[in-house]
Amino acid sequence: MRETVSPAITDSHNAAYVLTNDRSTLPNAIYITEGEPTFRDAANGDYHLTLTSLGVDSAPAASDPNSPKLDFDGKPRVHDEASIPNQFGPMDLGAYELQPSCGQADTVYCNGFEFQ
């Protein structure tokens, strides 16, 4: 098994809101979760989280005004998934924020209009 970080991080101020399959090299802190992230299709390079992933709604929204406002897809970095209780806040862990799925009846919020 590959260590999460090497050398180990012992100060809990240097590792926060992490989802890992091996926490042995991370501090013992409540906001470090051990488990699998459940990606959409990691084998083919799709690292978007699924709705059942432990990384969904697992971090507080960044309070730093210089924090990125958009994810790697150019979509809002914070989307609170109403069907999932927030573990530590509304932001997902990782590079992509789980976005709402669009139905045919939703023509305003699913056509990119809200991201302008």
PDB file of N, CA and C in Angstrom:
ATOM      1  N   MET A   1       0.844  -1.179   0.000  1.00  0.00           N
ATOM      2  CA  MET A   1       0.000   0.000   0.000  1.00  0.00           C
ATOM      3  C   MET A   1       0.892   1.247   0.000  1.00  0.00           C
ATOM      4  N   ARG A   2       0.501   2.248  -0.726  1.00  0.00           N
ATOM      5  CA  ARG A   2       1.247   3.497  -0.804  1.00  0.00           C
ATOM      6  C   ARG A   2       0.810   4.434   0.324  1.00  0.00           C
ATOM      7  N   GLU A   3       1.778   5.059   0.984  1.00  0.00           N
ATOM      8  CA  GLU A   3       1.460   6.016   2.039  1.00  0.00           C
ATOM      9  C   GLU A   3       0.809   7.250   1.433  1.00  0.00           C
ATOM     10  N   THR A   4      -0.057   7.909   2.211  1.00  0.00           N
ATOM     11  CA  THR A   4      -0.718   9.120   1.726  1.00  0.00           C
ATOM     12  C   THR A   4       0.285  10.236   1.554  1.00  0.00           C
ATOM     13  N   VAL A   5       1.143  10.439   2.543  1.00  0.00           N
ATOM     14  CA  VAL A   5       2.211  11.440   2.454  1.00  0.00           C
ATOM     15  C   VAL A   5       3.481  10.858   3.045  1.00  0.00           C
ATOM     16  N   SER A   6       4.607  11.326   2.569  1.00  0.00           N
ATOM     17  CA  SER A   6       5.884  10.899   3.109  1.00  0.00           C
ATOM     18  C   SER A   6       6.835  12.087   3.049  1.00  0.00           C
ATOM     19  N   PRO A   7       7.399  12.513   4.156  1.00  0.00           N
ATOM     20  CA  PRO A   7       7.266  11.959   5.504  1.00  0.00           C
ATOM     21  C   PRO A   7       5.889  12.260   6.095  1.00  0.00           C
ATOM     22  N   ALA A   8       5.600  11.586   7.182  1.00  0.00           N
ATOM     23  CA  ALA A   8       4.305  11.727   7.843  1.00  0.00           C
ATOM     24  C   ALA A   8       4.074  13.156   8.315  1.00  0.00           C
ATOM     25  N   ILE A   9       2.822  13.576   8.316  1.00  0.00           N
ATOM     26  CA  ILE A   9       2.423  14.882   8.854  1.00  0.00           C
ATOM     27  C   ILE A   9       1.894  14.635  10.253  1.00  0.00           C
ATOM     28  N   THR A  10       2.464  15.297  11.228  1.00  0.00           N
ATOM     29  CA  THR A  10       2.022  15.095  12.601  1.00  0.00           C
ATOM     30  C   THR A  10       1.219  16.275  13.140  1.00  0.00           C
ATOM     31  N   ASP A  11       1.361  17.440  12.533  1.00  0.00           N
ATOM     32  CA  ASP A  11       0.650  18.636  12.982  1.00  0.00           C
ATOM     33  C   ASP A  11      -0.709  18.708  12.288  1.00  0.00           C
ATOM     34  N   SER A  12      -1.779  18.696  13.060  1.00  0.00           N
ATOM     35  CA  SER A  12      -3.123  18.696  12.477  1.00  0.00           C
ATOM     36  C   SER A  12      -3.460  19.995  11.753  1.00  0.00           C
ATOM     37  N   HIS A  13      -2.666  21.039  11.927  1.00  0.00           N
ATOM     38  CA  HIS A  13      -2.890  22.291  11.194  1.00  0.00           C
ATOM     39  C   HIS A  13      -2.402  22.192   9.743  1.00  0.00           C
ATOM     40  N   ASN A  14      -1.630  21.170   9.445  1.00  0.00           N
ATOM     41  CA  ASN A  14      -1.073  21.006   8.095  1.00  0.00           C
ATOM     42  C   ASN A  14      -1.818  19.988   7.249  1.00  0.00           C
ATOM     43  N   ALA A  15      -2.846  19.375   7.788  1.00  0.00           N
ATOM     44  CA  ALA A  15      -3.659  18.416   7.027  1.00  0.00           C
ATOM     45  C   ALA A  15      -5.091  18.528   7.518  1.00  0.00           C
ATOM     46  N   ALA A  16      -5.976  18.978   6.654  1.00  0.00           N
ATOM     47  CA  ALA A  16      -7.373  19.140   7.045  1.00  0.00           C
ATOM     48  C   ALA A  16      -8.279  18.739   5.893  1.00  0.00           C
ATOM     49  N   TYR A  17      -9.392  18.120   6.250  1.00  0.00           N
ATOM     50  CA  TYR A  17     -10.413  17.724   5.283  1.00  0.00           C
ATOM     51  C   TYR A  17      -9.818  16.865   4.178  1.00  0.00           C
ATOM     52  N   VAL A  18      -9.349  15.703   4.599  1.00  0.00           N
ATOM     53  CA  VAL A  18      -8.697  14.746   3.713  1.00  0.00           C
ATOM     54  C   VAL A  18      -9.495  13.448   3.746  1.00  0.00           C
ATOM     55  N   LEU A  19      -9.680  12.863   2.574  1.00  0.00           N
ATOM     56  CA  LEU A  19     -10.247  11.519   2.453  1.00  0.00           C
ATOM     57  C   LEU A  19      -9.131  10.634   1.924  1.00  0.00           C
ATOM     58  N   THR A  20      -8.758   9.624   2.679  1.00  0.00           N
ATOM     59  CA  THR A  20      -7.617   8.786   2.327  1.00  0.00           C
ATOM     60  C   THR A  20      -7.912   7.324   2.607  1.00  0.00           C
ATOM     61  N   ASN A  21      -7.244   6.438   1.883  1.00  0.00           N
ATOM     62  CA  ASN A  21      -7.400   5.014   2.178  1.00  0.00           C
ATOM     63  C   ASN A  21      -6.349   4.539   3.169  1.00  0.00           C
ATOM     64  N   ASP A  22      -5.428   5.423   3.591  1.00  0.00           N
ATOM     65  CA  ASP A  22      -4.402   5.085   4.585  1.00  0.00           C
ATOM     66  C   ASP A  22      -4.061   6.331   5.389  1.00  0.00           C
ATOM     67  N   ARG A  23      -4.564   6.413   6.596  1.00  0.00           N
ATOM     68  CA  ARG A  23      -4.322   7.600   7.415  1.00  0.00           C
ATOM     69  C   ARG A  23      -3.112   7.448   8.347  1.00  0.00           C
ATOM     70  N   SER A  24      -2.329   6.415   8.146  1.00  0.00           N
ATOM     71  CA  SER A  24      -1.196   6.148   9.036  1.00  0.00           C
ATOM     72  C   SER A  24      -0.143   7.251   9.010  1.00  0.00           C
ATOM     73  N   THR A  25      -0.061   8.025   7.941  1.00  0.00           N
ATOM     74  CA  THR A  25       0.944   9.087   7.861  1.00  0.00           C
ATOM     75  C   THR A  25       0.318  10.470   8.062  1.00  0.00           C
ATOM     76  N   LEU A  26      -0.914  10.490   8.541  1.00  0.00           N
ATOM     77  CA  LEU A  26      -1.618  11.750   8.787  1.00  0.00           C
ATOM     78  C   LEU A  26      -1.966  11.863  10.264  1.00  0.00           C
ATOM     79  N   PRO A  27      -2.166  13.086  10.752  1.00  0.00           N
ATOM     80  CA  PRO A  27      -2.496  13.242  12.170  1.00  0.00           C
ATOM     81  C   PRO A  27      -3.857  12.630  12.509  1.00  0.00           C
ATOM     82  N   ASN A  28      -4.032  12.274  13.763  1.00  0.00           N
ATOM     83  CA  ASN A  28      -5.305  11.736  14.219  1.00  0.00           C
ATOM     84  C   ASN A  28      -6.241  12.917  14.489  1.00  0.00           C
ATOM     85  N   ALA A  29      -6.989  13.305  13.472  1.00  0.00           N
ATOM     86  CA  ALA A  29      -7.893  14.443  13.582  1.00  0.00           C
ATOM     87  C   ALA A  29      -9.268  14.035  13.059  1.00  0.00           C
ATOM     88  N   ILE A  30     -10.314  14.603  13.623  1.00  0.00           N
ATOM     89  CA  ILE A  30     -11.678  14.245  13.257  1.00  0.00           C
ATOM     90  C   ILE A  30     -11.983  14.543  11.796  1.00  0.00           C
ATOM     91  N   TYR A  31     -11.333  15.529  11.209  1.00  0.00           N
ATOM     92  CA  TYR A  31     -11.638  15.930   9.827  1.00  0.00           C
ATOM     93  C   TYR A  31     -10.755  15.225   8.794  1.00  0.00           C
ATOM     94  N   ILE A  32     -10.139  14.116   9.189  1.00  0.00           N
ATOM     95  CA  ILE A  32      -9.438  13.246   8.242  1.00  0.00           C
ATOM     96  C   ILE A  32     -10.206  11.926   8.237  1.00  0.00           C
ATOM     97  N   THR A  33     -10.769  11.604   7.081  1.00  0.00           N
ATOM     98  CA  THR A  33     -11.639  10.438   6.940  1.00  0.00           C
ATOM     99  C   THR A  33     -10.905   9.325   6.203  1.00  0.00           C
ATOM    100  N   GLU A  34     -11.018   8.125   6.730  1.00  0.00           N
ATOM    101  CA  GLU A  34     -10.423   6.977   6.047  1.00  0.00           C
ATOM    102  C   GLU A  34     -11.518   6.239   5.278  1.00  0.00           C
ATOM    103  N   GLY A  35     -11.278   6.014   4.000  1.00  0.00           N
ATOM    104  CA  GLY A  35     -12.236   5.319   3.166  1.00  0.00           C
ATOM    105  C   GLY A  35     -11.936   5.540   1.697  1.00  0.00           C
ATOM    106  N   GLU A  36     -12.756   4.980   0.837  1.00  0.00           N
ATOM    107  CA  GLU A  36     -12.591   5.114  -0.615  1.00  0.00           C
ATOM    108  C   GLU A  36     -13.430   6.289  -1.113  1.00  0.00           C
ATOM    109  N   PRO A  37     -12.921   7.069  -2.053  1.00  0.00           N
ATOM    110  CA  PRO A  37     -13.659   8.239  -2.529  1.00  0.00           C
ATOM    111  C   PRO A  37     -14.824   7.935  -3.466  1.00  0.00           C
ATOM    112  N   THR A  38     -14.881   6.792  -4.079  1.00  0.00           N
ATOM    113  CA  THR A  38     -15.926   6.411  -5.027  1.00  0.00           C
ATOM    114  C   THR A  38     -16.022   7.411  -6.178  1.00  0.00           C
ATOM    115  N   PHE A  39     -15.089   7.273  -7.114  1.00  0.00           N
ATOM    116  CA  PHE A  39     -15.075   8.115  -8.312  1.00  0.00           C
ATOM    117  C   PHE A  39     -16.022   7.550  -9.362  1.00  0.00           C
ATOM    118  N   ARG A  40     -16.428   8.400 -10.288  1.00  0.00           N
ATOM    119  CA  ARG A  40     -17.344   7.985 -11.357  1.00  0.00           C
ATOM    120  C   ARG A  40     -16.734   6.881 -12.220  1.00  0.00           C
ATOM    121  N   ASP A  41     -15.476   7.078 -12.669  1.00  0.00           N
ATOM    122  CA  ASP A  41     -14.820   6.066 -13.510  1.00  0.00           C
ATOM    123  C   ASP A  41     -13.309   6.282 -13.458  1.00  0.00           C
ATOM    124  N   ALA A  42     -12.706   6.011 -12.315  1.00  0.00           N
ATOM    125  CA  ALA A  42     -11.276   6.264 -12.117  1.00  0.00           C
ATOM    126  C   ALA A  42     -10.413   5.476 -13.096  1.00  0.00           C
ATOM    127  N   ALA A  43     -10.832   4.283 -13.462  1.00  0.00           N
ATOM    128  CA  ALA A  43     -10.046   3.456 -14.391  1.00  0.00           C
ATOM    129  C   ALA A  43      -9.838   4.157 -15.729  1.00  0.00           C
ATOM    130  N   ASN A  44     -10.767   5.025 -16.098  1.00  0.00           N
ATOM    131  CA  ASN A  44     -10.664   5.759 -17.359  1.00  0.00           C
ATOM    132  C   ASN A  44     -10.406   7.248 -17.150  1.00  0.00           C
ATOM    133  N   GLY A  45      -9.939   7.616 -15.950  1.00  0.00           N
ATOM    134  CA  GLY A  45      -9.528   8.996 -15.690  1.00  0.00           C
ATOM    135  C   GLY A  45     -10.635   9.956 -15.310  1.00  0.00           C
ATOM    136  N   ASP A  46     -11.834   9.471 -14.974  1.00  0.00           N
ATOM    137  CA  ASP A  46     -12.931  10.352 -14.559  1.00  0.00           C
ATOM    138  C   ASP A  46     -12.981  10.361 -13.036  1.00  0.00           C
ATOM    139  N   TYR A  47     -12.443  11.430 -12.448  1.00  0.00           N
ATOM    140  CA  TYR A  47     -12.339  11.532 -10.996  1.00  0.00           C
ATOM    141  C   TYR A  47     -13.432  12.385 -10.379  1.00  0.00           C
ATOM    142  N   HIS A  48     -14.568  12.510 -11.050  1.00  0.00           N
ATOM    143  CA  HIS A  48     -15.726  13.162 -10.447  1.00  0.00           C
ATOM    144  C   HIS A  48     -16.285  12.213  -9.379  1.00  0.00           C
ATOM    145  N   LEU A  49     -16.725  12.763  -8.263  1.00  0.00           N
ATOM    146  CA  LEU A  49     -17.284  11.943  -7.197  1.00  0.00           C
ATOM    147  C   LEU A  49     -18.688  11.479  -7.558  1.00  0.00           C
ATOM    148  N   THR A  50     -19.057  10.325  -7.029  1.00  0.00           N
ATOM    149  CA  THR A  50     -20.438   9.861  -7.175  1.00  0.00           C
ATOM    150  C   THR A  50     -21.245  10.405  -6.002  1.00  0.00           C
ATOM    151  N   LEU A  51     -22.551  10.334  -6.107  1.00  0.00           N
ATOM    152  CA  LEU A  51     -23.430  10.840  -5.058  1.00  0.00           C
ATOM    153  C   LEU A  51     -23.196  10.130  -3.725  1.00  0.00           C
ATOM    154  N   THR A  52     -22.746   8.881  -3.759  1.00  0.00           N
ATOM    155  CA  THR A  52     -22.536   8.109  -2.522  1.00  0.00           C
ATOM    156  C   THR A  52     -21.104   8.218  -1.986  1.00  0.00           C
ATOM    157  N   SER A  53     -20.277   9.030  -2.590  1.00  0.00           N
ATOM    158  CA  SER A  53     -18.880   9.148  -2.156  1.00  0.00           C
ATOM    159  C   SER A  53     -18.762   9.796  -0.784  1.00  0.00           C
ATOM    160  N   LEU A  54     -17.790   9.332  -0.003  1.00  0.00           N
ATOM    161  CA  LEU A  54     -17.517   9.925   1.305  1.00  0.00           C
ATOM    162  C   LEU A  54     -16.995  11.362   1.188  1.00  0.00           C
ATOM    163  N   GLY A  55     -16.552  11.771   0.009  1.00  0.00           N
ATOM    164  CA  GLY A  55     -16.007  13.110  -0.184  1.00  0.00           C
ATOM    165  C   GLY A  55     -17.042  14.182  -0.461  1.00  0.00           C
ATOM    166  N   VAL A  56     -18.310  13.803  -0.659  1.00  0.00           N
ATOM    167  CA  VAL A  56     -19.361  14.776  -0.958  1.00  0.00           C
ATOM    168  C   VAL A  56     -19.772  15.500   0.321  1.00  0.00           C
ATOM    169  N   ASP A  57     -19.842  16.827   0.235  1.00  0.00           N
ATOM    170  CA  ASP A  57     -20.233  17.688   1.363  1.00  0.00           C
ATOM    171  C   ASP A  57     -19.424  17.360   2.620  1.00  0.00           C
ATOM    172  N   SER A  58     -18.097  17.348   2.457  1.00  0.00           N
ATOM    173  CA  SER A  58     -17.207  16.945   3.548  1.00  0.00           C
ATOM    174  C   SER A  58     -16.241  18.013   4.007  1.00  0.00           C
ATOM    175  N   ALA A  59     -16.386  19.256   3.520  1.00  0.00           N
ATOM    176  CA  ALA A  59     -15.470  20.320   3.933  1.00  0.00           C
ATOM    177  C   ALA A  59     -16.228  21.646   3.996  1.00  0.00           C
ATOM    178  N   PRO A  60     -15.772  22.542   4.863  1.00  0.00           N
ATOM    179  CA  PRO A  60     -16.424  23.854   4.910  1.00  0.00           C
ATOM    180  C   PRO A  60     -16.078  24.664   3.662  1.00  0.00           C
ATOM    181  N   ALA A  61     -16.963  25.570   3.299  1.00  0.00           N
ATOM    182  CA  ALA A  61     -16.666  26.475   2.189  1.00  0.00           C
ATOM    183  C   ALA A  61     -15.458  27.312   2.584  1.00  0.00           C
ATOM    184  N   ALA A  62     -14.554  27.514   1.657  1.00  0.00           N
ATOM    185  CA  ALA A  62     -13.319  28.249   1.943  1.00  0.00           C
ATOM    186  C   ALA A  62     -13.634  29.688   2.328  1.00  0.00           C
ATOM    187  N   SER A  63     -13.029  30.148   3.402  1.00  0.00           N
ATOM    188  CA  SER A  63     -13.248  31.524   3.838  1.00  0.00           C
ATOM    189  C   SER A  63     -12.196  32.471   3.262  1.00  0.00           C
ATOM    190  N   ASP A  64     -11.136  31.939   2.693  1.00  0.00           N
ATOM    191  CA  ASP A  64     -10.085  32.759   2.092  1.00  0.00           C
ATOM    192  C   ASP A  64     -10.602  33.352   0.784  1.00  0.00           C
ATOM    193  N   PRO A  65     -10.603  34.689   0.646  1.00  0.00           N
ATOM    194  CA  PRO A  65     -11.114  35.307  -0.581  1.00  0.00           C
ATOM    195  C   PRO A  65     -10.304  34.929  -1.823  1.00  0.00           C
ATOM    196  N   ASN A  66      -9.089  34.414  -1.656  1.00  0.00           N
ATOM    197  CA  ASN A  66      -8.260  34.006  -2.786  1.00  0.00           C
ATOM    198  C   ASN A  66      -8.463  32.553  -3.184  1.00  0.00           C
ATOM    199  N   SER A  67      -9.322  31.839  -2.474  1.00  0.00           N
ATOM    200  CA  SER A  67      -9.601  30.444  -2.798  1.00  0.00           C
ATOM    201  C   SER A  67     -10.328  30.360  -4.132  1.00  0.00           C
ATOM    202  N   PRO A  68     -10.083  29.282  -4.887  1.00  0.00           N
ATOM    203  CA  PRO A  68     -10.772  29.133  -6.173  1.00  0.00           C
ATOM    204  C   PRO A  68     -12.291  29.116  -6.006  1.00  0.00           C
ATOM    205  N   LYS A  69     -12.976  29.806  -6.866  1.00  0.00           N
ATOM    206  CA  LYS A  69     -14.441  29.840  -6.842  1.00  0.00           C
ATOM    207  C   LYS A  69     -15.038  28.787  -7.770  1.00  0.00           C
ATOM    208  N   LEU A  70     -14.192  28.229  -8.655  1.00  0.00           N
ATOM    209  CA  LEU A  70     -14.659  27.241  -9.623  1.00  0.00           C
ATOM    210  C   LEU A  70     -13.860  25.949  -9.494  1.00  0.00           C
ATOM    211  N   ASP A  71     -14.486  24.826  -9.838  1.00  0.00           N
ATOM    212  CA  ASP A  71     -13.776  23.545  -9.829  1.00  0.00           C
ATOM    213  C   ASP A  71     -13.062  23.361 -11.166  1.00  0.00           C
ATOM    214  N   PHE A  72     -12.480  22.189 -11.410  1.00  0.00           N
ATOM    215  CA  PHE A  72     -11.717  21.946 -12.644  1.00  0.00           C
ATOM    216  C   PHE A  72     -12.593  21.945 -13.896  1.00  0.00           C
ATOM    217  N   ASP A  73     -13.901  21.811 -13.733  1.00  0.00           N
ATOM    218  CA  ASP A  73     -14.821  21.890 -14.869  1.00  0.00           C
ATOM    219  C   ASP A  73     -15.300  23.318 -15.109  1.00  0.00           C
ATOM    220  N   GLY A  74     -14.868  24.256 -14.267  1.00  0.00           N
ATOM    221  CA  GLY A  74     -15.325  25.632 -14.394  1.00  0.00           C
ATOM    222  C   GLY A  74     -16.697  25.853 -13.783  1.00  0.00           C
ATOM    223  N   LYS A  75     -17.130  24.955 -12.911  1.00  0.00           N
ATOM    224  CA  LYS A  75     -18.429  25.070 -12.252  1.00  0.00           C
ATOM    225  C   LYS A  75     -18.211  25.536 -10.814  1.00  0.00           C
ATOM    226  N   PRO A  76     -19.255  26.052 -10.159  1.00  0.00           N
ATOM    227  CA  PRO A  76     -19.088  26.566  -8.794  1.00  0.00           C
ATOM    228  C   PRO A  76     -18.429  25.553  -7.869  1.00  0.00           C
ATOM    229  N   ARG A  77     -17.452  26.016  -7.104  1.00  0.00           N
ATOM    230  CA  ARG A  77     -16.682  25.149  -6.208  1.00  0.00           C
ATOM    231  C   ARG A  77     -17.513  24.633  -5.047  1.00  0.00           C
ATOM    232  N   VAL A  78     -18.563  25.349  -4.677  1.00  0.00           N
ATOM    233  CA  VAL A  78     -19.396  24.918  -3.562  1.00  0.00           C
ATOM    234  C   VAL A  78     -20.828  24.725  -4.046  1.00  0.00           C
ATOM    235  N   HIS A  79     -21.286  23.498  -3.945  1.00  0.00           N
ATOM    236  CA  HIS A  79     -22.694  23.176  -4.196  1.00  0.00           C
ATOM    237  C   HIS A  79     -23.110  22.230  -3.084  1.00  0.00           C
ATOM    238  N   ASP A  80     -24.039  22.667  -2.260  1.00  0.00           N
ATOM    239  CA  ASP A  80     -24.507  21.850  -1.153  1.00  0.00           C
ATOM    240  C   ASP A  80     -25.549  20.865  -1.673  1.00  0.00           C
ATOM    241  N   GLU A  81     -25.210  19.603  -1.642  1.00  0.00           N
ATOM    242  CA  GLU A  81     -26.121  18.552  -2.092  1.00  0.00           C
ATOM    243  C   GLU A  81     -27.147  18.327  -0.996  1.00  0.00           C
ATOM    244  N   ALA A  82     -28.394  18.742  -1.244  1.00  0.00           N
ATOM    245  CA  ALA A  82     -29.446  18.727  -0.221  1.00  0.00           C
ATOM    246  C   ALA A  82     -29.745  17.335   0.322  1.00  0.00           C
ATOM    247  N   SER A  83     -29.551  16.309  -0.479  1.00  0.00           N
ATOM    248  CA  SER A  83     -29.885  14.954  -0.034  1.00  0.00           C
ATOM    249  C   SER A  83     -28.804  14.324   0.841  1.00  0.00           C
ATOM    250  N   ILE A  84     -27.681  15.022   1.019  1.00  0.00           N
ATOM    251  CA  ILE A  84     -26.566  14.474   1.801  1.00  0.00           C
ATOM    252  C   ILE A  84     -26.283  15.389   2.990  1.00  0.00           C
ATOM    253  N   PRO A  85     -26.290  14.851   4.201  1.00  0.00           N
ATOM    254  CA  PRO A  85     -25.948  15.687   5.362  1.00  0.00           C
ATOM    255  C   PRO A  85     -24.490  16.135   5.270  1.00  0.00           C
ATOM    256  N   ASN A  86     -24.242  17.393   5.566  1.00  0.00           N
ATOM    257  CA  ASN A  86     -22.875  17.909   5.541  1.00  0.00           C
ATOM    258  C   ASN A  86     -22.072  17.279   6.666  1.00  0.00           C
ATOM    259  N   GLN A  87     -20.891  16.772   6.316  1.00  0.00           N
ATOM    260  CA  GLN A  87     -20.029  16.221   7.351  1.00  0.00           C
ATOM    261  C   GLN A  87     -19.323  17.367   8.074  1.00  0.00           C
ATOM    262  N   PHE A  88     -18.657  18.253   7.329  1.00  0.00           N
ATOM    263  CA  PHE A  88     -17.993  19.415   7.917  1.00  0.00           C
ATOM    264  C   PHE A  88     -18.402  20.706   7.215  1.00  0.00           C
ATOM    265  N   GLY A  89     -19.160  20.605   6.148  1.00  0.00           N
ATOM    266  CA  GLY A  89     -19.600  21.760   5.388  1.00  0.00           C
ATOM    267  C   GLY A  89     -20.095  21.341   4.018  1.00  0.00           C
ATOM    268  N   PRO A  90     -20.455  22.296   3.168  1.00  0.00           N
ATOM    269  CA  PRO A  90     -21.087  21.991   1.886  1.00  0.00           C
ATOM    270  C   PRO A  90     -20.132  21.693   0.731  1.00  0.00           C
ATOM    271  N   MET A  91     -18.837  21.830   0.928  1.00  0.00           N
ATOM    272  CA  MET A  91     -17.893  21.662  -0.172  1.00  0.00           C
ATOM    273  C   MET A  91     -17.416  20.214  -0.269  1.00  0.00           C
ATOM    274  N   ASP A  92     -17.261  19.743  -1.503  1.00  0.00           N
ATOM    275  CA  ASP A  92     -16.769  18.390  -1.743  1.00  0.00           C
ATOM    276  C   ASP A  92     -15.245  18.365  -1.690  1.00  0.00           C
ATOM    277  N   LEU A  93     -14.690  17.205  -1.399  1.00  0.00           N
ATOM    278  CA  LEU A  93     -13.246  17.022  -1.431  1.00  0.00           C
ATOM    279  C   LEU A  93     -12.830  16.670  -2.852  1.00  0.00           C
ATOM    280  N   GLY A  94     -11.671  17.120  -3.265  1.00  0.00           N
ATOM    281  CA  GLY A  94     -11.175  16.801  -4.598  1.00  0.00           C
ATOM    282  C   GLY A  94     -11.289  17.973  -5.551  1.00  0.00           C
ATOM    283  N   ALA A  95     -10.974  17.717  -6.794  1.00  0.00           N
ATOM    284  CA  ALA A  95     -10.896  18.768  -7.809  1.00  0.00           C
ATOM    285  C   ALA A  95     -12.243  19.141  -8.405  1.00  0.00           C
ATOM    286  N   TYR A  96     -13.231  18.257  -8.254  1.00  0.00           N
ATOM    287  CA  TYR A  96     -14.539  18.476  -8.883  1.00  0.00           C
ATOM    288  C   TYR A  96     -15.638  18.515  -7.836  1.00  0.00           C
ATOM    289  N   GLU A  97     -16.502  19.489  -7.935  1.00  0.00           N
ATOM    290  CA  GLU A  97     -17.674  19.596  -7.061  1.00  0.00           C
ATOM    291  C   GLU A  97     -18.827  18.841  -7.721  1.00  0.00           C
ATOM    292  N   LEU A  98     -19.477  17.975  -6.937  1.00  0.00           N
ATOM    293  CA  LEU A  98     -20.637  17.262  -7.474  1.00  0.00           C
ATOM    294  C   LEU A  98     -21.705  18.293  -7.811  1.00  0.00           C
ATOM    295  N   GLN A  99     -22.150  18.286  -9.040  1.00  0.00           N
ATOM    296  CA  GLN A  99     -23.131  19.260  -9.502  1.00  0.00           C
ATOM    297  C   GLN A  99     -24.510  18.614  -9.566  1.00  0.00           C
ATOM    298  N   PRO A 100     -25.565  19.430  -9.467  1.00  0.00           N
ATOM    299  CA  PRO A 100     -26.906  18.851  -9.527  1.00  0.00           C
ATOM    300  C   PRO A 100     -27.166  18.215 -10.885  1.00  0.00           C
ATOM    301  N   SER A 101     -27.907  17.134 -10.868  1.00  0.00           N
ATOM    302  CA  SER A 101     -28.279  16.519 -12.144  1.00  0.00           C
ATOM    303  C   SER A 101     -29.463  17.286 -12.709  1.00  0.00           C
ATOM    304  N   CYS A 102     -29.556  17.333 -14.005  1.00  0.00           N
ATOM    305  CA  CYS A 102     -30.573  18.136 -14.664  1.00  0.00           C
ATOM    306  C   CYS A 102     -31.700  17.271 -15.197  1.00  0.00           C
ATOM    307  N   GLY A 103     -32.893  17.738 -14.985  1.00  0.00           N
ATOM    308  CA  GLY A 103     -34.058  17.083 -15.553  1.00  0.00           C
ATOM    309  C   GLY A 103     -34.569  17.897 -16.737  1.00  0.00           C
ATOM    310  N   GLN A 104     -35.428  17.330 -17.520  1.00  0.00           N
ATOM    311  CA  GLN A 104     -35.944  18.030 -18.685  1.00  0.00           C
ATOM    312  C   GLN A 104     -36.716  19.281 -18.305  1.00  0.00           C
ATOM    313  N   ALA A 105     -37.342  19.283 -17.141  1.00  0.00           N
ATOM    314  CA  ALA A 105     -38.138  20.442 -16.739  1.00  0.00           C
ATOM    315  C   ALA A 105     -37.277  21.619 -16.315  1.00  0.00           C
ATOM    316  N   ASP A 106     -36.019  21.373 -16.002  1.00  0.00           N
ATOM    317  CA  ASP A 106     -35.144  22.436 -15.512  1.00  0.00           C
ATOM    318  C   ASP A 106     -34.362  23.045 -16.667  1.00  0.00           C
ATOM    319  N   THR A 107     -34.828  24.174 -17.161  1.00  0.00           N
ATOM    320  CA  THR A 107     -34.158  24.806 -18.299  1.00  0.00           C
ATOM    321  C   THR A 107     -33.357  26.023 -17.893  1.00  0.00           C
ATOM    322  N   VAL A 108     -33.534  26.517 -16.680  1.00  0.00           N
ATOM    323  CA  VAL A 108     -32.802  27.711 -16.249  1.00  0.00           C
ATOM    324  C   VAL A 108     -31.490  27.329 -15.591  1.00  0.00           C
ATOM    325  N   TYR A 109     -31.515  26.402 -14.641  1.00  0.00           N
ATOM    326  CA  TYR A 109     -30.309  26.106 -13.874  1.00  0.00           C
ATOM    327  C   TYR A 109     -29.441  24.999 -14.455  1.00  0.00           C
ATOM    328  N   CYS A 110     -29.818  24.389 -15.524  1.00  0.00           N
ATOM    329  CA  CYS A 110     -29.023  23.301 -16.081  1.00  0.00           C
ATOM    330  C   CYS A 110     -28.499  23.582 -17.479  1.00  0.00           C
ATOM    331  N   ASN A 111     -28.582  24.804 -17.918  1.00  0.00           N
ATOM    332  CA  ASN A 111     -28.089  25.116 -19.249  1.00  0.00           C
ATOM    333  C   ASN A 111     -26.823  25.958 -19.209  1.00  0.00           C
ATOM    334  N   GLY A 112     -26.232  26.115 -18.004  1.00  0.00           N
ATOM    335  CA  GLY A 112     -25.029  26.919 -17.887  1.00  0.00           C
ATOM    336  C   GLY A 112     -25.318  28.365 -17.595  1.00  0.00           C
ATOM    337  N   PHE A 113     -26.578  28.766 -17.657  1.00  0.00           N
ATOM    338  CA  PHE A 113     -26.938  30.171 -17.445  1.00  0.00           C
ATOM    339  C   PHE A 113     -26.470  30.692 -16.098  1.00  0.00           C
ATOM    340  N   GLU A 114     -26.614  29.866 -15.049  1.00  0.00           N
ATOM    341  CA  GLU A 114     -26.281  30.320 -13.698  1.00  0.00           C
ATOM    342  C   GLU A 114     -24.781  30.494 -13.474  1.00  0.00           C
ATOM    343  N   PHE A 115     -23.958  30.010 -14.394  1.00  0.00           N
ATOM    344  CA  PHE A 115     -22.521  30.096 -14.216  1.00  0.00           C
ATOM    345  C   PHE A 115     -21.926  31.298 -14.934  1.00  0.00           C
ATOM    346  N   GLN A 116     -22.736  32.121 -15.528  1.00  0.00           N
ATOM    347  CA  GLN A 116     -22.231  33.278 -16.284  1.00  0.00           C
ATOM    348  C   GLN A 116     -21.749  34.373 -15.371  1.00  0.00           C
TER     349      GLN A 116
END
